[in-house]
Amino acid sequence: MDPVRIIELTASILSGVAVCIPLVVKLIHYIKEAAAGRDYQKLIKLTMKFCEEAELLFGTGEQRKEWVMRRVEEVAKAMNVEVDMEAIGQLIDDVCAASKIINKPVRKENA
């Protein structure tokens, strides 16, 4: 084969590889984001479960929230997931507020 032809083929291959490398890097980034997203969904479900458990274990809202926050932090460390604990605290507050609205005691009407 002609040396010029070999150089042209090599240049074509290298330019193709140069184009593919950033695409592969971006693909890996998206895969990692998707995996992390699944972990966050799992962590949110666990937070809700912990809130339910805390309702049965503790008398005051402050004790419940503190217990849930500690459990979430432990689970996040075990899952190797970075968590904004302030956002988790807000999630717990929102869940409690919603539960108070949804679970209002039913008043019997005088007939």
Protein backbone atom coordinates (compact mmCIF):
# COMPACT_ATOMS: atom_id res chain seq x y z
CA MET A 1 0.00 0.00 0.00
CA ASP A 2 1.06 3.54 -0.75
CA PRO A 3 2.55 5.46 2.27
CA VAL A 4 0.36 8.48 1.49
CA ARG A 5 -2.73 6.27 1.60
CA ILE A 6 -1.63 4.82 4.96
CA ILE A 7 -1.18 8.34 6.36
CA GLU A 8 -4.64 9.34 5.08
CA LEU A 9 -6.26 6.27 6.67
CA THR A 10 -4.42 6.86 9.94
CA ALA A 11 -5.51 10.51 9.97
CA SER A 12 -9.13 9.47 9.30
CA ILE A 13 -9.07 6.91 12.10
CA LEU A 14 -7.51 9.37 14.55
CA SER A 15 -10.03 12.09 13.69
CA GLY A 16 -12.87 9.58 14.21
CA VAL A 17 -11.48 8.59 17.58
CA ALA A 18 -11.04 12.26 18.52
CA VAL A 19 -14.73 12.86 17.77
CA CYS A 20 -15.86 9.76 19.69
CA ILE A 21 -13.93 10.42 22.91
CA PRO A 22 -15.98 13.47 24.02
CA LEU A 23 -19.18 11.63 23.14
CA VAL A 24 -18.18 8.66 25.28
CA VAL A 25 -17.22 10.94 28.17
CA LYS A 26 -20.59 12.70 27.96
CA LEU A 27 -22.40 9.35 27.79
CA ILE A 28 -20.61 8.17 30.95
CA HIS A 29 -21.61 11.42 32.66
CA TYR A 30 -25.29 10.88 31.75
CA ILE A 31 -25.17 7.26 32.94
CA LYS A 32 -23.74 8.34 36.30
CA GLU A 33 -26.44 11.03 36.64
CA ALA A 34 -29.16 8.50 35.88
CA ALA A 35 -27.78 6.07 38.45
CA ALA A 36 -27.59 8.83 41.06
CA GLY A 37 -31.18 9.81 40.26
CA ARG A 38 -32.35 6.30 41.05
CA ASP A 39 -30.48 6.45 44.36
CA TYR A 40 -32.19 9.73 45.22
CA GLN A 41 -35.62 8.27 44.48
CA LYS A 42 -34.80 5.33 46.72
CA LEU A 43 -33.60 7.71 49.45
CA ILE A 44 -36.82 9.75 49.25
CA LYS A 45 -38.90 6.59 49.61
CA LEU A 46 -36.84 5.58 52.62
CA THR A 47 -37.32 9.05 54.12
CA MET A 48 -41.09 8.63 53.83
CA LYS A 49 -40.85 5.20 55.45
CA PHE A 50 -38.73 6.62 58.27
CA CYS A 51 -41.34 9.34 58.84
CA GLU A 52 -44.02 6.69 59.24
CA GLU A 53 -41.86 4.72 61.68
CA ALA A 54 -41.06 7.85 63.70
CA GLU A 55 -44.78 8.53 64.14
CA LEU A 56 -45.05 5.29 66.09
CA LEU A 57 -41.82 5.67 68.06
CA PHE A 58 -41.75 9.26 69.31
CA GLY A 59 -44.16 11.70 70.94
CA THR A 60 -42.97 15.07 69.67
CA GLY A 61 -42.39 16.29 66.15
CA GLU A 62 -38.91 17.50 67.04
CA GLN A 63 -37.85 14.04 68.23
CA ARG A 64 -39.34 12.44 65.13
CA LYS A 65 -37.58 14.81 62.74
CA GLU A 66 -34.23 14.41 64.51
CA TRP A 67 -34.51 10.61 64.35
CA VAL A 68 -35.50 10.64 60.66
CA MET A 69 -32.66 13.03 59.79
CA ARG A 70 -30.11 10.77 61.51
CA ARG A 71 -31.45 7.69 59.73
CA VAL A 72 -31.41 9.40 56.34
CA GLU A 73 -27.85 10.58 56.90
CA GLU A 74 -26.75 7.05 57.83
CA VAL A 75 -28.42 5.52 54.79
CA ALA A 76 -26.99 8.19 52.47
CA LYS A 77 -23.48 7.46 53.73
CA ALA A 78 -24.03 3.73 53.25
CA MET A 79 -25.31 4.34 49.70
CA ASN A 80 -22.40 6.72 49.06
CA VAL A 81 -24.81 9.48 48.02
CA GLU A 82 -24.30 13.17 48.77
CA VAL A 83 -27.42 14.63 50.35
CA ASP A 84 -28.49 18.16 51.16
CA MET A 85 -29.74 17.62 54.70
CA GLU A 86 -31.45 21.01 54.69
CA ALA A 87 -33.54 19.86 51.71
CA ILE A 88 -34.33 16.59 53.50
CA GLY A 89 -35.42 18.59 56.56
CA GLN A 90 -37.72 20.66 54.36
CA LEU A 91 -39.10 17.47 52.77
CA ILE A 92 -39.89 16.10 56.24
CA ASP A 93 -41.62 19.36 57.22
CA ASP A 94 -43.65 19.33 53.99
CA VAL A 95 -44.69 15.70 54.48
CA CYS A 96 -45.81 16.44 58.05
CA ALA A 97 -47.76 19.52 56.95
CA ALA A 98 -49.46 17.56 54.16
CA SER A 99 -50.29 14.71 56.51
CA LYS A 100 -51.97 17.14 58.92
CA ILE A 101 -54.16 18.41 56.09
CA ILE A 102 -54.95 14.97 54.71
CA ASN A 103 -55.53 13.28 58.06
CA LYS A 104 -57.79 15.90 59.64
CA PRO A 105 -60.03 14.38 62.28
CA VAL A 106 -63.56 13.95 61.06
CA ARG A 107 -66.10 15.93 63.10
CA LYS A 108 -69.51 14.46 63.58
CA GLU A 109 -72.26 16.83 62.58
CA ASN A 110 -75.16 17.27 64.99
CA ALA A 111 -78.26 15.88 63.37
